Amino acid sequence: MEYKVVPFTATLNQQKETISAVAEQLENLIGQFNHQGWEYVRLESVSTYVQPVSGCFGGGTPGHLTAYQMIVFSRG
């Protein structure tokens, strides 16, 4: 079995679109990979720690946790 993991970041213009636009973006991406022979498995959330960045004169950014959405596909 072969797996492919693809990052998914939806975009939404809240003045013009509803949450269904996000669903459509996900559906389109799944369809693109399906046409290439990949089967959708699931959407995973992957958390990671972003290291702090020290800046000049103490003006850096602190470290923080962030999460990314990843789409998992399989074939074979």
PDB file of N, CA and C in Angstrom:
ATOM      1  N   MET A   1       0.850  -1.183   0.000  1.00  0.00           N
ATOM      2  CA  MET A   1       0.000   0.000   0.000  1.00  0.00           C
ATOM      3  C   MET A   1       0.889   1.238   0.000  1.00  0.00           C
ATOM      4  N   GLU A   2       0.499   2.219  -0.782  1.00  0.00           N
ATOM      5  CA  GLU A   2       1.240   3.476  -0.903  1.00  0.00           C
ATOM      6  C   GLU A   2       0.365   4.611  -0.349  1.00  0.00           C
ATOM      7  N   TYR A   3       0.990   5.559   0.352  1.00  0.00           N
ATOM      8  CA  TYR A   3       0.257   6.685   0.944  1.00  0.00           C
ATOM      9  C   TYR A   3       0.811   8.009   0.452  1.00  0.00           C
ATOM     10  N   LYS A   4      -0.059   8.995   0.388  1.00  0.00           N
ATOM     11  CA  LYS A   4       0.326  10.368   0.049  1.00  0.00           C
ATOM     12  C   LYS A   4      -0.377  11.274   1.046  1.00  0.00           C
ATOM     13  N   VAL A   5       0.360  12.238   1.608  1.00  0.00           N
ATOM     14  CA  VAL A   5      -0.201  13.195   2.554  1.00  0.00           C
ATOM     15  C   VAL A   5      -0.019  14.591   1.969  1.00  0.00           C
ATOM     16  N   VAL A   6      -1.128  15.328   1.891  1.00  0.00           N
ATOM     17  CA  VAL A   6      -1.145  16.634   1.243  1.00  0.00           C
ATOM     18  C   VAL A   6      -1.675  17.668   2.227  1.00  0.00           C
ATOM     19  N   PRO A   7      -0.983  18.800   2.396  1.00  0.00           N
ATOM     20  CA  PRO A   7      -1.510  19.843   3.279  1.00  0.00           C
ATOM     21  C   PRO A   7      -2.781  20.461   2.698  1.00  0.00           C
ATOM     22  N   PHE A   8      -3.707  20.822   3.593  1.00  0.00           N
ATOM     23  CA  PHE A   8      -4.948  21.464   3.170  1.00  0.00           C
ATOM     24  C   PHE A   8      -5.174  22.710   4.016  1.00  0.00           C
ATOM     25  N   THR A   9      -5.200  23.852   3.349  1.00  0.00           N
ATOM     26  CA  THR A   9      -5.523  25.108   4.009  1.00  0.00           C
ATOM     27  C   THR A   9      -6.627  25.765   3.199  1.00  0.00           C
ATOM     28  N   ALA A  10      -7.794  25.837   3.773  1.00  0.00           N
ATOM     29  CA  ALA A  10      -8.929  26.435   3.076  1.00  0.00           C
ATOM     30  C   ALA A  10      -8.865  27.952   3.180  1.00  0.00           C
ATOM     31  N   THR A  11      -9.447  28.611   2.201  1.00  0.00           N
ATOM     32  CA  THR A  11      -9.578  30.062   2.254  1.00  0.00           C
ATOM     33  C   THR A  11     -11.055  30.418   2.164  1.00  0.00           C
ATOM     34  N   LEU A  12     -11.444  31.429   2.916  1.00  0.00           N
ATOM     35  CA  LEU A  12     -12.850  31.807   2.976  1.00  0.00           C
ATOM     36  C   LEU A  12     -12.978  33.316   3.075  1.00  0.00           C
ATOM     37  N   ASN A  13     -13.678  33.905   2.141  1.00  0.00           N
ATOM     38  CA  ASN A  13     -14.009  35.319   2.202  1.00  0.00           C
ATOM     39  C   ASN A  13     -15.366  35.398   2.900  1.00  0.00           C
ATOM     40  N   GLN A  14     -15.362  35.790   4.170  1.00  0.00           N
ATOM     41  CA  GLN A  14     -16.584  35.745   4.975  1.00  0.00           C
ATOM     42  C   GLN A  14     -17.654  36.714   4.504  1.00  0.00           C
ATOM     43  N   GLN A  15     -17.280  37.736   3.731  1.00  0.00           N
ATOM     44  CA  GLN A  15     -18.291  38.665   3.230  1.00  0.00           C
ATOM     45  C   GLN A  15     -19.017  38.116   2.006  1.00  0.00           C
ATOM     46  N   LYS A  16     -18.393  37.159   1.300  1.00  0.00           N
ATOM     47  CA  LYS A  16     -18.979  36.654   0.057  1.00  0.00           C
ATOM     48  C   LYS A  16     -19.333  35.173   0.104  1.00  0.00           C
ATOM     49  N   GLU A  17     -18.697  34.402   1.004  1.00  0.00           N
ATOM     50  CA  GLU A  17     -18.836  32.945   0.973  1.00  0.00           C
ATOM     51  C   GLU A  17     -19.330  32.405   2.309  1.00  0.00           C
ATOM     52  N   THR A  18     -19.843  31.193   2.262  1.00  0.00           N
ATOM     53  CA  THR A  18     -20.233  30.478   3.472  1.00  0.00           C
ATOM     54  C   THR A  18     -19.277  29.307   3.664  1.00  0.00           C
ATOM     55  N   ILE A  19     -19.474  28.587   4.723  1.00  0.00           N
ATOM     56  CA  ILE A  19     -18.615  27.434   5.023  1.00  0.00           C
ATOM     57  C   ILE A  19     -18.691  26.373   3.926  1.00  0.00           C
ATOM     58  N   SER A  20     -19.743  26.395   3.145  1.00  0.00           N
ATOM     59  CA  SER A  20     -19.847  25.434   2.044  1.00  0.00           C
ATOM     60  C   SER A  20     -18.729  25.654   1.014  1.00  0.00           C
ATOM     61  N   ALA A  21     -18.160  26.863   0.945  1.00  0.00           N
ATOM     62  CA  ALA A  21     -17.024  27.113   0.051  1.00  0.00           C
ATOM     63  C   ALA A  21     -15.810  26.299   0.494  1.00  0.00           C
ATOM     64  N   VAL A  22     -15.624  26.153   1.799  1.00  0.00           N
ATOM     65  CA  VAL A  22     -14.520  25.336   2.323  1.00  0.00           C
ATOM     66  C   VAL A  22     -14.748  23.869   1.961  1.00  0.00           C
ATOM     67  N   ALA A  23     -15.977  23.412   2.120  1.00  0.00           N
ATOM     68  CA  ALA A  23     -16.306  22.031   1.764  1.00  0.00           C
ATOM     69  C   ALA A  23     -16.050  21.784   0.278  1.00  0.00           C
ATOM     70  N   GLU A  24     -16.373  22.762  -0.541  1.00  0.00           N
ATOM     71  CA  GLU A  24     -16.156  22.629  -1.984  1.00  0.00           C
ATOM     72  C   GLU A  24     -14.662  22.568  -2.308  1.00  0.00           C
ATOM     73  N   GLN A  25     -13.844  23.362  -1.617  1.00  0.00           N
ATOM     74  CA  GLN A  25     -12.396  23.323  -1.826  1.00  0.00           C
ATOM     75  C   GLN A  25     -11.839  21.940  -1.486  1.00  0.00           C
ATOM     76  N   LEU A  26     -12.299  21.395  -0.373  1.00  0.00           N
ATOM     77  CA  LEU A  26     -11.845  20.058   0.033  1.00  0.00           C
ATOM     78  C   LEU A  26     -12.318  19.005  -0.972  1.00  0.00           C
ATOM     79  N   GLU A  27     -13.558  19.111  -1.386  1.00  0.00           N
ATOM     80  CA  GLU A  27     -14.114  18.173  -2.364  1.00  0.00           C
ATOM     81  C   GLU A  27     -13.332  18.220  -3.680  1.00  0.00           C
ATOM     82  N   ASN A  28     -12.994  19.423  -4.145  1.00  0.00           N
ATOM     83  CA  ASN A  28     -12.238  19.560  -5.389  1.00  0.00           C
ATOM     84  C   ASN A  28     -10.850  18.942  -5.278  1.00  0.00           C
ATOM     85  N   LEU A  29     -10.185  19.152  -4.151  1.00  0.00           N
ATOM     86  CA  LEU A  29      -8.854  18.575  -3.964  1.00  0.00           C
ATOM     87  C   LEU A  29      -8.911  17.051  -3.918  1.00  0.00           C
ATOM     88  N   ILE A  30      -9.899  16.512  -3.223  1.00  0.00           N
ATOM     89  CA  ILE A  30     -10.077  15.055  -3.177  1.00  0.00           C
ATOM     90  C   ILE A  30     -10.341  14.522  -4.581  1.00  0.00           C
ATOM     91  N   GLY A  31     -11.165  15.228  -5.351  1.00  0.00           N
ATOM     92  CA  GLY A  31     -11.458  14.812  -6.723  1.00  0.00           C
ATOM     93  C   GLY A  31     -10.233  14.818  -7.618  1.00  0.00           C
ATOM     94  N   GLN A  32      -9.377  15.834  -7.467  1.00  0.00           N
ATOM     95  CA  GLN A  32      -8.146  15.903  -8.268  1.00  0.00           C
ATOM     96  C   GLN A  32      -7.263  14.684  -8.028  1.00  0.00           C
ATOM     97  N   PHE A  33      -7.088  14.330  -6.763  1.00  0.00           N
ATOM     98  CA  PHE A  33      -6.230  13.184  -6.452  1.00  0.00           C
ATOM     99  C   PHE A  33      -6.907  11.867  -6.805  1.00  0.00           C
ATOM    100  N   ASN A  34      -8.225  11.827  -6.724  1.00  0.00           N
ATOM    101  CA  ASN A  34      -8.964  10.626  -7.107  1.00  0.00           C
ATOM    102  C   ASN A  34      -8.756  10.339  -8.591  1.00  0.00           C
ATOM    103  N   HIS A  35      -8.735  11.372  -9.420  1.00  0.00           N
ATOM    104  CA  HIS A  35      -8.501  11.193 -10.856  1.00  0.00           C
ATOM    105  C   HIS A  35      -7.086  10.686 -11.140  1.00  0.00           C
ATOM    106  N   GLN A  36      -6.175  10.883 -10.207  1.00  0.00           N
ATOM    107  CA  GLN A  36      -4.799  10.390 -10.354  1.00  0.00           C
ATOM    108  C   GLN A  36      -4.630   8.993  -9.763  1.00  0.00           C
ATOM    109  N   GLY A  37      -5.740   8.409  -9.308  1.00  0.00           N
ATOM    110  CA  GLY A  37      -5.684   7.045  -8.771  1.00  0.00           C
ATOM    111  C   GLY A  37      -5.535   6.956  -7.265  1.00  0.00           C
ATOM    112  N   TRP A  38      -5.614   8.083  -6.559  1.00  0.00           N
ATOM    113  CA  TRP A  38      -5.495   8.085  -5.106  1.00  0.00           C
ATOM    114  C   TRP A  38      -6.880   8.040  -4.476  1.00  0.00           C
ATOM    115  N   GLU A  39      -7.005   7.275  -3.405  1.00  0.00           N
ATOM    116  CA  GLU A  39      -8.266   7.169  -2.678  1.00  0.00           C
ATOM    117  C   GLU A  39      -8.163   7.941  -1.368  1.00  0.00           C
ATOM    118  N   TYR A  40      -9.168   8.791  -1.119  1.00  0.00           N
ATOM    119  CA  TYR A  40      -9.201   9.576   0.123  1.00  0.00           C
ATOM    120  C   TYR A  40      -9.321   8.635   1.320  1.00  0.00           C
ATOM    121  N   VAL A  41      -8.499   8.871   2.356  1.00  0.00           N
ATOM    122  CA  VAL A  41      -8.558   8.080   3.586  1.00  0.00           C
ATOM    123  C   VAL A  41      -9.164   8.903   4.713  1.00  0.00           C
ATOM    124  N   ARG A  42      -8.551  10.070   5.010  1.00  0.00           N
ATOM    125  CA  ARG A  42      -9.069  10.919   6.095  1.00  0.00           C
ATOM    126  C   ARG A  42      -8.352  12.267   6.111  1.00  0.00           C
ATOM    127  N   LEU A  43      -8.914  13.161   6.922  1.00  0.00           N
ATOM    128  CA  LEU A  43      -8.317  14.470   7.175  1.00  0.00           C
ATOM    129  C   LEU A  43      -7.724  14.419   8.573  1.00  0.00           C
ATOM    130  N   GLU A  44      -6.441  14.708   8.692  1.00  0.00           N
ATOM    131  CA  GLU A  44      -5.735  14.659   9.968  1.00  0.00           C
ATOM    132  C   GLU A  44      -5.283  16.051  10.379  1.00  0.00           C
ATOM    133  N   SER A  45      -5.252  16.293  11.659  1.00  0.00           N
ATOM    134  CA  SER A  45      -4.700  17.524  12.200  1.00  0.00           C
ATOM    135  C   SER A  45      -3.345  17.188  12.810  1.00  0.00           C
ATOM    136  N   VAL A  46      -2.312  17.907  12.383  1.00  0.00           N
ATOM    137  CA  VAL A  46      -0.955  17.682  12.880  1.00  0.00           C
ATOM    138  C   VAL A  46      -0.516  18.936  13.619  1.00  0.00           C
ATOM    139  N   SER A  47      -0.189  18.795  14.890  1.00  0.00           N
ATOM    140  CA  SER A  47       0.262  19.928  15.708  1.00  0.00           C
ATOM    141  C   SER A  47       1.780  19.971  15.732  1.00  0.00           C
ATOM    142  N   THR A  48       2.309  21.170  15.766  1.00  0.00           N
ATOM    143  CA  THR A  48       3.753  21.339  15.830  1.00  0.00           C
ATOM    144  C   THR A  48       4.085  22.585  16.650  1.00  0.00           C
ATOM    145  N   TYR A  49       5.281  22.612  17.192  1.00  0.00           N
ATOM    146  CA  TYR A  49       5.737  23.759  17.958  1.00  0.00           C
ATOM    147  C   TYR A  49       6.641  24.603  17.066  1.00  0.00           C
ATOM    148  N   VAL A  50       6.319  25.874  16.925  1.00  0.00           N
ATOM    149  CA  VAL A  50       7.127  26.810  16.151  1.00  0.00           C
ATOM    150  C   VAL A  50       8.103  27.481  17.113  1.00  0.00           C
ATOM    151  N   GLN A  51       9.376  27.336  16.831  1.00  0.00           N
ATOM    152  CA  GLN A  51      10.418  27.866  17.707  1.00  0.00           C
ATOM    153  C   GLN A  51      10.350  29.398  17.777  1.00  0.00           C
ATOM    154  N   PRO A  52      10.691  29.967  18.938  1.00  0.00           N
ATOM    155  CA  PRO A  52      10.722  31.425  19.038  1.00  0.00           C
ATOM    156  C   PRO A  52      11.848  32.005  18.177  1.00  0.00           C
ATOM    157  N   VAL A  53      11.661  33.251  17.780  1.00  0.00           N
ATOM    158  CA  VAL A  53      12.676  33.950  16.997  1.00  0.00           C
ATOM    159  C   VAL A  53      13.077  35.185  17.797  1.00  0.00           C
ATOM    160  N   SER A  54      14.368  35.268  18.106  1.00  0.00           N
ATOM    161  CA  SER A  54      14.817  36.450  18.842  1.00  0.00           C
ATOM    162  C   SER A  54      15.108  37.560  17.839  1.00  0.00           C
ATOM    163  N   GLY A  55      14.690  38.742  18.189  1.00  0.00           N
ATOM    164  CA  GLY A  55      14.881  39.877  17.294  1.00  0.00           C
ATOM    165  C   GLY A  55      15.861  40.870  17.874  1.00  0.00           C
ATOM    166  N   CYS A  56      16.162  41.836  17.104  1.00  0.00           N
ATOM    167  CA  CYS A  56      17.039  42.904  17.562  1.00  0.00           C
ATOM    168  C   CYS A  56      16.368  43.682  18.684  1.00  0.00           C
ATOM    169  N   PHE A  57      17.093  43.993  19.703  1.00  0.00           N
ATOM    170  CA  PHE A  57      16.607  44.802  20.825  1.00  0.00           C
ATOM    171  C   PHE A  57      15.400  44.180  21.519  1.00  0.00           C
ATOM    172  N   GLY A  58      15.345  42.836  21.535  1.00  0.00           N
ATOM    173  CA  GLY A  58      14.274  42.144  22.250  1.00  0.00           C
ATOM    174  C   GLY A  58      12.942  42.118  21.532  1.00  0.00           C
ATOM    175  N   GLY A  59      12.903  42.408  20.252  1.00  0.00           N
ATOM    176  CA  GLY A  59      11.639  42.473  19.522  1.00  0.00           C
ATOM    177  C   GLY A  59      11.307  41.215  18.753  1.00  0.00           C
ATOM    178  N   GLY A  60      11.626  40.054  19.294  1.00  0.00           N
ATOM    179  CA  GLY A  60      11.365  38.803  18.596  1.00  0.00           C
ATOM    180  C   GLY A  60       9.937  38.327  18.756  1.00  0.00           C
ATOM    181  N   THR A  61       9.693  37.150  18.247  1.00  0.00           N
ATOM    182  CA  THR A  61       8.372  36.539  18.399  1.00  0.00           C
ATOM    183  C   THR A  61       8.489  35.313  19.284  1.00  0.00           C
ATOM    184  N   PRO A  62       7.528  35.094  20.174  1.00  0.00           N
ATOM    185  CA  PRO A  62       7.587  33.929  21.055  1.00  0.00           C
ATOM    186  C   PRO A  62       7.245  32.650  20.299  1.00  0.00           C
ATOM    187  N   GLY A  63       7.663  31.534  20.841  1.00  0.00           N
ATOM    188  CA  GLY A  63       7.290  30.241  20.284  1.00  0.00           C
ATOM    189  C   GLY A  63       5.815  29.980  20.532  1.00  0.00           C
ATOM    190  N   HIS A  64       5.236  29.119  19.727  1.00  0.00           N
ATOM    191  CA  HIS A  64       3.822  28.803  19.890  1.00  0.00           C
ATOM    192  C   HIS A  64       3.480  27.479  19.212  1.00  0.00           C
ATOM    193  N   LEU A  65       2.360  26.910  19.629  1.00  0.00           N
ATOM    194  CA  LEU A  65       1.840  25.707  18.981  1.00  0.00           C
ATOM    195  C   LEU A  65       0.947  26.114  17.823  1.00  0.00           C
ATOM    196  N   THR A  66       0.994  25.340  16.766  1.00  0.00           N
ATOM    197  CA  THR A  66       0.094  25.563  15.629  1.00  0.00           C
ATOM    198  C   THR A  66      -0.330  24.206  15.081  1.00  0.00           C
ATOM    199  N   ALA A  67      -1.427  24.185  14.372  1.00  0.00           N
ATOM    200  CA  ALA A  67      -1.937  22.927  13.804  1.00  0.00           C
ATOM    201  C   ALA A  67      -2.121  23.089  12.302  1.00  0.00           C
ATOM    202  N   TYR A  68      -1.861  22.024  11.585  1.00  0.00           N
ATOM    203  CA  TYR A  68      -2.031  21.983  10.142  1.00  0.00           C
ATOM    204  C   TYR A  68      -2.978  20.837   9.806  1.00  0.00           C
ATOM    205  N   GLN A  69      -3.790  21.037   8.774  1.00  0.00           N
ATOM    206  CA  GLN A  69      -4.683  19.980   8.300  1.00  0.00           C
ATOM    207  C   GLN A  69      -3.997  19.260   7.150  1.00  0.00           C
ATOM    208  N   MET A  70      -3.994  17.935   7.215  1.00  0.00           N
ATOM    209  CA  MET A  70      -3.368  17.116   6.186  1.00  0.00           C
ATOM    210  C   MET A  70      -4.389  16.107   5.669  1.00  0.00           C
ATOM    211  N   ILE A  71      -4.469  15.994   4.356  1.00  0.00           N
ATOM    212  CA  ILE A  71      -5.355  15.005   3.739  1.00  0.00           C
ATOM    213  C   ILE A  71      -4.534  13.767   3.435  1.00  0.00           C
ATOM    214  N   VAL A  72      -5.023  12.617   3.858  1.00  0.00           N
ATOM    215  CA  VAL A  72      -4.329  11.353   3.651  1.00  0.00           C
ATOM    216  C   VAL A  72      -5.024  10.588   2.507  1.00  0.00           C
ATOM    217  N   PHE A  73      -4.218  10.158   1.528  1.00  0.00           N
ATOM    218  CA  PHE A  73      -4.704   9.364   0.414  1.00  0.00           C
ATOM    219  C   PHE A  73      -3.927   8.043   0.390  1.00  0.00           C
ATOM    220  N   SER A  74      -4.503   7.028  -0.237  1.00  0.00           N
ATOM    221  CA  SER A  74      -3.802   5.761  -0.404  1.00  0.00           C
ATOM    222  C   SER A  74      -4.126   5.185  -1.775  1.00  0.00           C
ATOM    223  N   ARG A  75      -3.289   4.262  -2.205  1.00  0.00           N
ATOM    224  CA  ARG A  75      -3.553   3.470  -3.415  1.00  0.00           C
ATOM    225  C   ARG A  75      -2.732   2.197  -3.357  1.00  0.00           C
ATOM    226  N   GLY A  76      -3.180   1.256  -4.139  1.00  0.00           N
ATOM    227  CA  GLY A  76      -2.423   0.020  -4.251  1.00  0.00           C
ATOM    228  C   GLY A  76      -2.857  -1.013  -3.325  1.00  0.00           C
TER     229      GLY A  76
END
